[in-house]
N, C-alpha and C. Protein backbone atom coordinates (compact mmCIF):
# COMPACT_ATOMS: atom_id res chain seq x y z
N MET A 1 -56.59 -16.93 3.43
CA MET A 1 -55.86 -17.07 4.67
C MET A 1 -54.37 -17.08 4.36
N ALA A 2 -53.66 -16.13 4.88
CA ALA A 2 -52.22 -16.01 4.63
C ALA A 2 -51.43 -16.84 5.64
N HIS A 3 -50.38 -17.48 5.17
CA HIS A 3 -49.51 -18.26 6.03
C HIS A 3 -48.16 -17.57 6.13
N LYS A 4 -47.61 -17.60 7.32
CA LYS A 4 -46.27 -17.06 7.51
C LYS A 4 -45.32 -18.23 7.64
N LYS A 5 -44.22 -18.15 6.93
CA LYS A 5 -43.26 -19.25 6.94
C LYS A 5 -42.23 -19.04 8.04
N VAL A 6 -42.66 -19.25 9.25
CA VAL A 6 -41.77 -19.16 10.40
C VAL A 6 -41.69 -20.53 11.05
N ASN A 7 -40.56 -20.79 11.65
CA ASN A 7 -40.35 -22.04 12.38
C ASN A 7 -40.43 -23.28 11.50
N LEU A 8 -40.12 -23.17 10.23
CA LEU A 8 -40.05 -24.35 9.37
C LEU A 8 -38.66 -24.97 9.52
N PRO A 9 -38.59 -26.29 9.51
CA PRO A 9 -37.28 -26.92 9.59
C PRO A 9 -36.41 -26.57 8.40
N GLU A 10 -35.11 -26.49 8.62
CA GLU A 10 -34.18 -26.20 7.54
C GLU A 10 -33.09 -27.25 7.50
N LYS A 11 -32.49 -27.39 6.32
CA LYS A 11 -31.33 -28.25 6.11
C LYS A 11 -30.33 -27.49 5.27
N ILE A 12 -29.12 -28.01 5.20
CA ILE A 12 -28.07 -27.44 4.35
C ILE A 12 -27.91 -28.35 3.13
N CYS A 13 -27.95 -27.75 1.96
CA CYS A 13 -27.82 -28.50 0.71
C CYS A 13 -26.43 -29.13 0.63
N LYS A 14 -26.36 -30.37 0.22
CA LYS A 14 -25.09 -31.09 0.12
C LYS A 14 -24.22 -30.58 -1.03
N THR A 15 -24.80 -29.93 -2.04
CA THR A 15 -24.05 -29.47 -3.19
C THR A 15 -23.61 -28.01 -3.05
N CYS A 16 -24.56 -27.11 -2.76
CA CYS A 16 -24.25 -25.68 -2.74
C CYS A 16 -24.02 -25.12 -1.33
N ASN A 17 -24.23 -25.95 -0.31
CA ASN A 17 -24.03 -25.56 1.08
C ASN A 17 -24.86 -24.38 1.53
N ARG A 18 -26.01 -24.18 0.90
CA ARG A 18 -26.94 -23.11 1.31
C ARG A 18 -28.10 -23.75 2.06
N PRO A 19 -28.68 -22.98 3.00
CA PRO A 19 -29.84 -23.51 3.73
C PRO A 19 -31.09 -23.51 2.87
N PHE A 20 -31.92 -24.50 3.06
CA PHE A 20 -33.23 -24.53 2.40
C PHE A 20 -34.27 -25.01 3.39
N ALA A 21 -35.48 -24.52 3.23
CA ALA A 21 -36.56 -24.78 4.19
C ALA A 21 -37.45 -25.93 3.72
N TRP A 22 -38.17 -26.48 4.68
CA TRP A 22 -39.15 -27.55 4.43
C TRP A 22 -40.19 -27.08 3.43
N ARG A 23 -40.61 -27.99 2.58
CA ARG A 23 -41.70 -27.74 1.62
C ARG A 23 -42.77 -28.80 1.78
N LYS A 24 -43.98 -28.43 1.46
CA LYS A 24 -45.11 -29.35 1.57
C LYS A 24 -44.88 -30.62 0.76
N LYS A 25 -44.27 -30.47 -0.44
CA LYS A 25 -44.05 -31.65 -1.30
C LYS A 25 -43.05 -32.63 -0.70
N TRP A 26 -42.25 -32.17 0.28
CA TRP A 26 -41.28 -33.04 0.95
C TRP A 26 -41.82 -33.59 2.26
N GLU A 27 -43.10 -33.42 2.51
CA GLU A 27 -43.69 -33.79 3.79
C GLU A 27 -43.46 -35.26 4.14
N LYS A 28 -43.62 -36.15 3.18
CA LYS A 28 -43.54 -37.58 3.45
C LYS A 28 -42.10 -38.11 3.49
N ASN A 29 -41.16 -37.40 2.88
CA ASN A 29 -39.79 -37.92 2.84
C ASN A 29 -38.75 -36.85 3.21
N TRP A 30 -39.08 -36.00 4.15
CA TRP A 30 -38.16 -34.92 4.57
C TRP A 30 -36.82 -35.46 5.05
N GLU A 31 -36.82 -36.60 5.68
CA GLU A 31 -35.57 -37.17 6.19
C GLU A 31 -34.61 -37.57 5.06
N GLU A 32 -35.13 -37.89 3.90
CA GLU A 32 -34.29 -38.32 2.77
C GLU A 32 -33.87 -37.15 1.86
N VAL A 33 -34.44 -35.98 2.03
CA VAL A 33 -34.13 -34.85 1.16
C VAL A 33 -32.73 -34.34 1.51
N LEU A 34 -31.86 -34.26 0.49
CA LEU A 34 -30.48 -33.83 0.69
C LEU A 34 -30.12 -32.58 -0.10
N TYR A 35 -30.89 -32.30 -1.16
CA TYR A 35 -30.56 -31.21 -2.08
C TYR A 35 -31.69 -30.21 -2.16
N CYS A 36 -31.34 -28.93 -2.36
CA CYS A 36 -32.34 -27.88 -2.37
C CYS A 36 -33.12 -27.80 -3.67
N SER A 37 -32.56 -28.35 -4.76
CA SER A 37 -33.22 -28.23 -6.05
C SER A 37 -32.80 -29.37 -6.96
N ASP A 38 -33.48 -29.50 -8.09
CA ASP A 38 -33.11 -30.51 -9.09
C ASP A 38 -31.74 -30.19 -9.67
N LYS A 39 -31.43 -28.92 -9.82
CA LYS A 39 -30.12 -28.52 -10.35
C LYS A 39 -29.00 -29.03 -9.44
N CYS A 40 -29.14 -28.84 -8.14
CA CYS A 40 -28.13 -29.34 -7.20
C CYS A 40 -28.08 -30.86 -7.17
N ARG A 41 -29.23 -31.49 -7.30
CA ARG A 41 -29.25 -32.94 -7.32
C ARG A 41 -28.52 -33.51 -8.52
N MET A 42 -28.68 -32.84 -9.66
CA MET A 42 -28.00 -33.30 -10.89
C MET A 42 -26.49 -33.01 -10.86
N ASN A 43 -26.07 -32.00 -10.11
CA ASN A 43 -24.66 -31.64 -10.04
C ASN A 43 -24.00 -32.13 -8.75
N LYS A 44 -24.52 -33.17 -8.17
CA LYS A 44 -24.05 -33.63 -6.86
C LYS A 44 -22.62 -34.11 -6.86
N THR A 45 -22.03 -34.48 -7.99
CA THR A 45 -20.67 -34.98 -8.01
C THR A 45 -19.64 -33.85 -8.07
N LYS A 46 -20.09 -32.64 -8.31
CA LYS A 46 -19.15 -31.51 -8.44
C LYS A 46 -18.82 -30.92 -7.10
């Protein structure tokens, strides 16, 4: 069964200012997610 990724919530990454979409692994804490990747999270002070 194929899924289409339409109408997923998006946020803007605090580090790179690029949009990123909701992921299943962020289901329980989507409100706290601020960064699109571990790389951006580690470079958050730049």
